[in-house]
Protein backbone atom coordinates (compact mmCIF):
# COMPACT_ATOMS: atom_id res chain seq x y z
CA MET A 1 115.44 54.58 125.12
CA ILE A 2 111.71 54.62 125.54
CA LYS A 3 111.31 58.91 125.85
CA ASN A 4 109.14 59.89 128.38
CA LYS A 5 105.00 60.43 126.55
CA ASP A 6 104.87 63.76 128.29
CA ASN A 7 107.80 65.14 126.04
CA ARG A 8 105.86 64.02 122.73
CA LEU A 9 104.66 66.69 120.57
CA TRP A 10 100.79 67.74 121.39
CA GLN A 11 100.88 64.83 124.56
CA SER A 12 101.71 67.77 127.35
CA GLU A 13 101.11 71.06 128.17
CA TRP A 14 102.06 72.99 124.84
CA ARG A 15 105.56 74.81 124.71
CA TYR A 16 107.58 76.33 122.36
CA ARG A 17 107.50 73.34 119.65
CA GLU A 18 103.67 72.99 119.59
CA SER A 19 103.59 77.31 120.08
CA ILE A 20 105.67 77.55 116.45
CA LEU A 21 104.16 74.87 114.66
CA ILE A 22 100.69 76.77 115.08
CA VAL A 23 101.87 80.12 114.72
CA SER A 24 103.65 78.37 111.18
CA GLY A 25 99.99 77.13 110.64
CA ILE A 26 98.52 80.63 111.21
CA LEU A 27 101.26 82.11 108.40
CA ILE A 28 100.18 79.50 106.08
CA VAL A 29 96.51 80.05 105.91
CA GLY A 30 97.65 83.41 105.75
CA LEU A 31 99.17 82.74 102.68
CA ALA A 32 96.56 80.95 101.36
CA LEU A 33 94.11 83.32 101.49
CA GLN A 34 96.33 86.48 100.15
CA MET A 35 96.78 83.89 96.93
CA LEU A 36 93.41 83.04 96.79
CA TYR A 37 91.79 86.50 97.68
CA GLY A 38 93.85 89.07 97.86
CA SER A 39 94.88 91.96 99.98
CA PHE A 40 92.41 91.70 103.32
CA ASP A 41 89.85 94.63 102.77
CA PHE A 42 90.01 96.64 106.05
CA TYR A 43 86.71 98.70 104.83
CA LEU A 44 84.79 96.03 105.70
CA LEU A 45 85.62 96.70 109.23
CA THR A 46 84.06 100.15 109.19
CA TRP A 47 81.22 101.53 111.84
CA PRO A 48 79.54 99.52 113.75
CA ILE A 49 81.14 96.18 112.81
CA ASN A 50 84.61 96.87 114.24
CA ILE A 51 82.83 97.54 117.47
CA TYR A 52 80.90 94.09 116.94
CA ILE A 53 84.49 92.74 116.58
CA ALA A 54 86.51 94.41 119.40
CA LEU A 55 83.67 93.89 121.88
CA PHE A 56 83.95 89.71 120.72
CA LEU A 57 88.19 90.18 121.39
CA THR A 58 86.88 91.21 124.48
CA ALA A 59 84.91 88.99 125.30
CA LEU A 60 86.82 86.10 124.31
CA SER A 61 89.55 87.55 125.96
CA ILE A 62 87.65 87.68 129.50
CA ILE A 63 86.50 83.83 129.31
CA PHE A 64 90.03 82.56 128.02
CA GLY A 65 91.37 85.08 131.10
CA VAL A 66 88.68 82.83 133.45
CA LEU A 67 89.34 79.99 132.49
CA ALA A 68 93.13 80.40 132.85
CA ARG A 69 92.59 81.08 136.45
CA ARG A 70 90.79 77.44 136.37
CA LYS A 71 94.10 75.87 135.26
CA ASN A 72 92.42 75.49 131.57
CA SER A 73 95.22 74.01 129.89
CA PHE A 74 94.03 75.49 126.27
CA SER A 75 93.72 78.62 127.68
CA ARG A 76 96.89 79.36 130.00
CA TRP A 77 98.73 78.17 126.61
CA ILE A 78 96.98 81.16 124.24
CA SER A 79 97.85 83.87 127.41
CA GLY A 80 101.47 81.91 127.78
CA VAL A 81 105.08 83.06 127.40
CA PRO A 82 105.53 80.16 124.33
CA PHE A 83 102.48 81.63 122.08
CA SER A 84 103.23 85.24 122.86
CA VAL A 85 107.18 84.99 121.76
CA SER A 86 105.99 83.11 118.72
CA LEU A 87 103.52 85.75 117.73
CA ILE A 88 106.43 88.19 118.37
CA MET A 89 108.81 86.39 116.10
CA ALA A 90 106.07 86.05 113.42
CA LEU A 91 105.21 90.04 113.50
CA LEU A 92 109.19 90.49 113.74
CA PHE A 93 109.40 88.33 111.01
CA LEU A 94 106.68 90.08 108.60
CA THR A 95 108.13 93.43 109.74
CA ILE A 96 111.53 92.64 108.23
CA ILE A 97 109.76 91.39 104.78
CA MET A 98 108.05 94.54 104.84
CA GLY A 99 111.30 96.87 105.80
CA PHE A 100 112.83 95.77 102.44
CA THR A 101 109.72 95.85 100.43
CA PRO A 102 108.41 99.37 98.91
CA GLN A 103 104.84 99.64 100.45
CA MET A 104 101.82 100.38 98.42
CA VAL A 105 98.42 101.53 98.99
CA GLU A 106 97.64 98.34 97.12
CA SER A 107 99.08 95.55 96.43
CA ASN A 108 100.19 94.53 93.16
CA SER A 109 102.18 91.05 93.67
CA LEU A 110 100.48 88.08 94.46
CA LEU A 111 102.08 87.16 98.11
CA GLY A 112 101.31 90.95 98.81
CA PHE A 113 104.29 91.69 100.91
CA ASP A 114 104.03 95.28 99.19
CA ALA A 115 100.67 96.02 101.20
CA MET A 116 102.34 94.18 104.36
CA THR A 117 99.40 95.66 106.63
CA SER A 118 96.37 94.61 104.40
CA ASN A 119 98.37 90.62 103.98
CA TRP A 120 96.40 87.79 105.32
CA MET A 121 99.43 87.09 106.76
CA PHE A 122 99.70 89.78 109.36
CA VAL A 123 95.97 90.58 109.67
CA LEU A 124 95.41 87.19 111.53
CA ILE A 125 99.34 87.11 113.37
CA TYR A 126 97.83 90.58 114.82
CA THR A 127 94.45 89.44 115.88
CA PHE A 128 95.64 86.33 117.78
CA THR A 129 98.42 88.81 119.31
CA ILE A 130 95.57 91.32 120.48
CA LEU A 131 93.80 88.12 121.88
CA SER A 132 97.16 86.26 123.58
CA LEU A 133 97.41 90.11 125.37
CA GLY A 134 93.69 90.70 126.00
CA THR A 135 93.60 86.98 127.85
CA LEU A 136 97.30 87.84 129.57
CA ASN A 137 95.80 90.94 131.03
CA VAL A 138 92.09 89.37 131.99
CA ARG A 139 94.04 86.51 133.98
CA ARG A 140 96.69 89.02 135.84
CA LEU A 141 93.34 91.11 136.56
CA ILE A 142 91.50 88.13 137.99
CA SER A 143 94.38 88.35 140.99
CA PHE A 144 95.10 92.18 141.15
CA ASN A 145 97.74 92.60 143.25
CA TYR A 146 98.42 96.92 143.32
CA LYS A 147 102.30 95.90 143.22
CA ASP A 148 101.77 94.90 139.78
CA TYR A 149 100.80 98.16 138.45
CA ALA A 150 103.52 99.22 136.02
CA PHE A 151 102.72 95.84 134.50
CA TYR A 152 98.93 96.66 134.44
CA LEU A 153 99.38 100.16 132.27
CA ASN A 154 102.06 98.71 130.30
CA HIS A 155 100.15 95.88 129.28
CA VAL A 156 96.58 97.42 129.18
CA GLY A 157 98.03 100.33 127.36
CA LEU A 158 99.41 97.95 125.11
CA TRP A 159 95.98 95.87 124.09
CA LEU A 160 94.32 98.95 124.11
CA PHE A 161 96.83 100.66 121.11
CA LEU A 162 96.67 97.53 118.99
CA LEU A 163 92.67 96.86 118.89
CA ALA A 164 91.89 100.67 118.58
CA SER A 165 94.75 101.84 115.60
CA GLY A 166 93.93 98.18 114.06
CA LEU A 167 90.41 98.53 113.79
CA GLY A 168 89.73 102.03 113.67
CA TYR A 169 91.93 101.99 110.53
CA ALA A 170 88.41 101.66 108.72
CA ASP A 171 86.97 104.11 109.57
CA MET A 172 90.23 106.37 108.93
CA GLU A 173 89.28 109.02 106.26
CA ARG A 174 91.76 110.73 104.34
CA TYR A 175 90.97 114.02 101.74
CA ILE A 176 93.16 116.95 100.07
CA MET A 177 91.98 120.07 100.18
CA HIS A 178 92.67 122.80 98.23
CA VAL A 179 91.85 126.91 100.23
CA ARG A 180 92.16 130.03 98.40
CA GLU A 181 93.79 132.76 100.41
CA GLY A 182 90.87 135.06 101.80
CA GLU A 183 88.15 132.34 100.85
CA THR A 184 86.76 129.52 102.95
CA GLU A 185 86.55 125.87 102.34
CA TRP A 186 84.36 122.40 103.33
CA ARG A 187 84.56 120.60 100.26
CA VAL A 188 87.01 117.99 98.88
CA TYR A 189 86.92 114.91 96.28
CA ASP A 190 86.50 111.93 97.96
CA TYR A 191 88.12 108.13 96.08
CA ASN A 192 85.83 108.42 93.47
CA GLU A 193 86.62 111.75 92.98
CA ASN A 194 83.16 112.78 93.68
CA ILE A 195 81.87 116.18 95.49
CA LYS A 196 82.03 115.41 99.47
CA GLU A 197 80.60 118.31 101.75
CA LEU A 198 82.61 117.58 105.29
CA PRO A 199 81.37 118.88 108.86
CA ILE A 200 84.44 120.89 108.74
CA ALA A 201 85.61 124.00 106.83
CA ILE A 202 88.81 126.23 107.02
CA HIS A 203 89.16 129.43 106.21
CA LEU A 204 92.85 130.73 104.73
CA LYS A 205 93.68 134.31 105.85
CA ASP A 206 97.57 134.07 104.32
CA PHE A 207 99.94 132.10 102.99
CA ASP A 208 103.46 132.82 103.32
CA MET A 209 106.58 130.99 103.22
CA ASP A 210 110.43 131.21 103.23
CA VAL A 211 113.28 130.11 100.86
CA TYR A 212 116.75 128.94 101.40
CA PRO A 213 119.55 131.30 99.37
CA PRO A 214 119.55 129.69 95.86
CA LYS A 215 122.76 128.52 94.05
CA LEU A 216 124.73 130.39 91.18
CA VAL A 217 125.98 127.86 88.47
CA VAL A 218 127.00 128.54 85.15
CA ILE A 219 124.87 127.14 81.77
CA ASP A 220 125.22 126.66 78.04
CA ARG A 221 122.74 129.44 76.82
CA GLN A 222 121.46 126.77 73.55
CA SER A 223 121.13 124.09 75.85
CA GLY A 224 120.62 124.96 79.21
CA GLU A 225 123.04 122.31 80.26
CA VAL A 226 124.84 123.60 83.50
CA GLN A 227 128.55 123.11 83.30
CA PRO A 228 130.68 121.42 83.53
CA GLN A 229 127.94 118.33 82.10
CA ASP A 230 129.87 115.67 84.05
CA ASN A 231 130.32 117.57 87.51
CA PRO A 232 128.28 120.93 87.57
CA HIS A 233 130.00 123.64 89.69
CA ILE A 234 128.19 125.47 91.96
CA LEU A 235 128.18 128.58 94.06
CA GLN A 236 125.79 128.55 97.52
CA LEU A 237 125.04 132.12 98.07
CA ASP A 238 126.25 132.31 101.89
CA HIS A 239 128.20 135.31 103.33
CA ASP A 240 131.36 132.73 104.75
CA ASN A 241 132.03 131.77 101.33
CA PRO A 242 131.45 134.48 98.92
CA ARG A 243 133.72 132.80 96.09
CA ALA A 244 133.47 129.92 94.17
CA LEU A 245 135.41 128.67 90.39
CA LEU A 246 132.36 127.71 88.33
CA ASN A 247 133.44 126.36 84.64
CA GLY A 248 137.04 128.03 85.18
CA TRP A 249 135.40 131.59 86.00
CA GLU A 250 136.26 133.01 89.44
CA VAL A 251 132.99 134.37 90.70
CA GLU A 252 132.00 136.56 93.60
CA THR A 253 129.13 137.45 95.35
CA LEU A 254 129.20 141.39 95.95
CA GLU A 255 126.10 141.65 97.57
CA TYR A 256 122.65 139.29 98.14
CA ILE A 257 119.11 140.32 99.09
CA HIS A 258 116.83 137.75 100.29
CA GLN A 259 114.04 139.68 99.45
CA ALA A 260 114.40 141.38 96.57
CA VAL A 261 112.54 144.49 93.82
CA ARG A 262 113.75 145.54 90.85
CA SER A 263 114.58 149.04 91.50
CA SER A 264 115.78 149.41 87.79
CA ASP A 265 116.78 147.54 84.12
CA SER A 266 119.46 146.42 86.15
CA THR A 267 119.04 146.95 90.15
CA TYR A 268 117.62 146.00 92.46
CA ARG A 269 116.77 147.01 96.36
CA GLU A 270 116.47 144.95 99.29
CA VAL A 271 111.59 145.13 99.12
CA PRO A 272 110.04 142.40 101.78
CA MET A 273 106.49 142.07 99.77
CA PRO A 274 105.07 138.74 98.39
CA GLY A 275 106.65 139.60 95.50
CA ALA A 276 110.07 139.63 96.14
CA THR A 277 112.57 137.02 95.14
CA PRO A 278 116.37 136.84 95.59
CA ALA A 279 118.64 138.61 93.99
CA ALA A 280 123.05 138.89 94.06
CA ARG A 281 125.22 141.29 92.17
CA VAL A 282 128.54 139.27 91.33
CA ARG A 283 132.03 139.54 89.56
CA ALA A 284 133.25 136.73 87.26
CA LYS A 285 136.73 137.07 86.22
CA LYS A 286 138.37 135.13 83.50
CA ASP A 287 142.43 136.06 83.00
CA GLU A 288 141.84 139.39 81.56
CA LEU A 289 137.68 139.42 81.26
CA ILE A 290 135.54 140.69 83.92
CA TYR A 291 131.77 141.14 84.45
CA GLU A 292 130.00 142.63 86.74
CA GLY A 293 126.37 142.61 87.51
CA TRP A 294 123.12 141.68 89.05
CA ILE A 295 121.51 138.16 88.92
CA CYS A 296 117.88 137.56 89.73
CA GLY A 297 116.29 133.56 89.42
CA GLY A 298 112.78 135.66 88.99
CA ASN A 299 108.96 134.64 89.79
CA GLN A 300 105.34 135.12 88.15
CA ALA A 301 105.65 138.73 89.42
CA GLN A 302 109.32 139.80 88.03
CA VAL A 303 111.31 139.07 85.65
CA TYR A 304 114.30 136.96 85.66
CA MET A 305 118.20 138.48 84.76
CA THR A 306 121.20 136.34 84.23
CA LEU A 307 125.14 137.06 83.61
CA PRO A 308 126.24 136.40 79.95
CA LEU A 309 129.93 135.78 79.90
CA ASP A 310 130.34 135.53 76.83
CA GLU A 311 128.24 133.92 73.40
CA GLN A 312 127.76 130.76 75.00
CA TYR A 313 128.02 131.09 78.79
CA SER A 314 125.75 132.69 80.96
CA ILE A 315 125.39 132.82 84.94
CA VAL A 316 122.07 132.15 86.26
CA MET A 317 120.62 131.78 89.60
CA THR A 318 118.19 128.53 90.64
CA THR A 319 115.45 128.26 91.85
CA ALA A 320 115.50 128.97 95.33
CA ASP A 321 114.20 125.86 97.97
CA PRO A 322 111.33 126.13 100.21
CA ARG A 323 112.72 126.68 103.86
CA THR A 324 109.60 127.12 105.53
CA PHE A 325 105.93 126.98 104.42
CA VAL A 326 102.67 128.50 106.62
CA SER A 327 99.03 128.96 106.53
CA GLU A 328 97.63 131.50 108.58
CA VAL A 329 93.98 129.84 109.20
CA GLU A 330 90.54 129.52 111.05
CA VAL A 331 88.82 125.90 111.17
CA TYR A 332 85.18 125.64 112.21
CA SER A 333 83.42 122.58 113.12
CA GLU A 334 79.87 121.45 112.49
CA LYS A 335 79.63 121.30 115.89
CA GLY A 336 80.29 125.12 116.24
CA ASP A 337 83.81 125.02 117.27
CA THR A 338 86.43 127.44 116.18
CA LYS A 339 90.48 127.21 116.37
CA ALA A 340 92.69 129.96 114.63
CA ALA A 341 96.13 128.71 114.32
CA ASP A 342 99.63 129.29 111.91
CA ILE A 343 99.53 125.24 109.79
CA GLU A 344 103.18 124.75 109.28
CA VAL A 345 104.92 120.81 107.74
CA ASN A 346 105.19 118.82 111.03
CA LYS A 347 103.38 121.35 112.96
CA PRO A 348 99.43 119.83 111.70
CA LEU A 349 96.29 121.56 113.52
CA ARG A 350 93.85 119.58 115.82
CA LEU A 351 89.84 119.65 116.48
CA ASP A 352 88.09 117.52 117.45
CA ASN A 353 88.79 114.11 115.66
CA TRP A 354 90.41 115.80 112.59
CA THR A 355 94.07 116.79 111.76
CA ILE A 356 94.75 119.00 109.68
CA TYR A 357 98.25 119.19 107.91
CA GLN A 358 99.77 121.42 105.58
CA TYR A 359 100.48 119.82 102.20
CA GLY A 360 101.51 121.74 99.55
CA TYR A 361 100.77 125.26 97.56
CA ASP A 362 101.68 126.04 93.93
CA ASN A 363 105.43 125.51 93.18
CA GLN A 364 105.22 127.35 90.45
CA ALA A 365 104.18 130.70 91.95
CA GLY A 366 106.10 130.18 95.21
CA ARG A 367 105.24 132.57 97.98
CA LEU A 368 102.23 134.09 95.06
CA SER A 369 100.89 130.86 95.91
CA SER A 370 97.20 132.20 95.24
CA TYR A 371 95.93 129.02 97.47
CA SER A 372 97.10 126.40 100.12
CA SER A 373 96.31 122.56 100.05
CA PHE A 374 95.57 120.52 103.29
CA GLU A 375 95.17 117.02 103.80
CA LEU A 376 92.98 116.15 106.25
CA VAL A 377 92.85 112.94 108.08
CA TYR A 378 89.56 111.94 110.29
CA ASP A 379 90.34 109.31 112.98
CA ALA A 380 87.31 108.52 115.50
CA TRP A 381 89.70 106.46 116.95
CA LEU A 382 92.32 108.43 117.89
CA TRP A 383 92.04 108.80 121.51
CA PRO A 384 91.84 105.14 122.79
CA VAL A 385 95.20 104.95 120.81
CA TYR A 386 96.40 107.98 122.84
CA ILE A 387 95.06 106.39 125.96
CA GLY A 388 96.90 103.19 125.55
CA ILE A 389 99.87 105.34 124.32
CA ILE A 390 100.40 107.19 128.01
CA MET A 391 99.50 104.04 130.04
CA MET A 392 102.60 102.60 128.16
CA MET A 393 104.30 105.29 128.95
CA LEU A 394 103.59 105.65 132.98
CA GLY A 395 103.76 101.76 132.84
CA SER A 396 107.84 101.37 131.62
CA VAL A 397 108.33 104.75 133.79
CA GLY A 398 106.97 102.74 136.74
CA MET A 399 108.77 99.56 135.59
CA ILE A 400 111.78 101.88 135.63
CA TRP A 401 110.98 102.48 139.24
CA THR A 402 109.49 99.09 140.93
CA GLY A 403 113.14 97.86 139.23
CA ARG A 404 115.22 100.64 140.82
CA MET A 405 113.28 100.71 143.94
CA ARG A 406 114.17 96.28 143.97
CA LYS A 407 117.82 96.99 143.20
CA GLU A 408 118.18 99.13 147.07
CA ASP A 409 115.96 96.61 148.96
CA SER A 410 118.59 94.36 147.86
CA ASP A 411 121.73 96.27 148.33
CA ASP A 412 119.97 97.20 151.93
CA LEU A 413 119.79 93.12 152.70
CA GLU A 414 123.45 93.37 151.46
């Protein structure tokens, strides 16, 4: 039986078979480039190179979109479903590999799977996805229909998001700045450990932190090991559970002060101040032995205190884990803008194209830290990314609304 010539590979309009083969070829080319030249260097695309590439991809999308409306088969294939689905599957495949492979800033492997976003395979697929999506947008916009507003918002927003986030990566800058309390800093170290002055300055007014209630444990006074070594017993200082069995000792919390200051050689009182530290009065009982006293974890301002049980064991307080740490700052930009805010984890400050995150502090000093560390991220392409996200959100809402209206219309017809 002779097959129809139109169904042969590469002979008729390209469909899924051809699209899968071409996308597979793109992956093979990317893998070869990765093995020959290593990871793609995004910093080759710094301004103004990235804007030139953005304009080139946009112009190419417009050309292909116009040709697609004129029934050009190649342009229609680029913006068609088979090619776009094949690209999405390739991106999904690479994303799954990325999810199962620990990612690093720079690749240390031949295949480059440990730095997937700079892998040549990912870069090529990403680029063709932008081109395909851009061509589709132009093709649909030429025959504009206001009823398809949700489609336009969703797809143009996605195209803008992909374009800006990908090409804008090269212009992104990240620095760590250490600012002492009461001082103003604008200098950082760059990637080559050279001092660099930034067009933004941070004045640290105050640094404060709060900690979780610490824990009580029994340790060996000689080795410092928590007992029992194979399964350490812990008493979390909690008003709801003031008792626990620690290495055979019945330990009860009689009093707990979250911010305590020593008032005598063996007692504490509550004084909210930077040098305060958690302290607890406990009672330990085993057989006929009963010991009672104050325990304190200590800090740079206060000496720690333990409760000896015998010549071998003592009850001690662990170091309290930080609950929150906040930096009260004023930020100045080179343009003359000023912004005051409290910066904490997951609550950054944004000024111009800079985003400032709470990064760290002096871990040894804790609440007495004399400085605060900030991560400063500069992203000149941030607003196009935000606009793309907002457009996608509006488009998704529009699609839900449009689908609901169509369902109601069909129900009325029934």
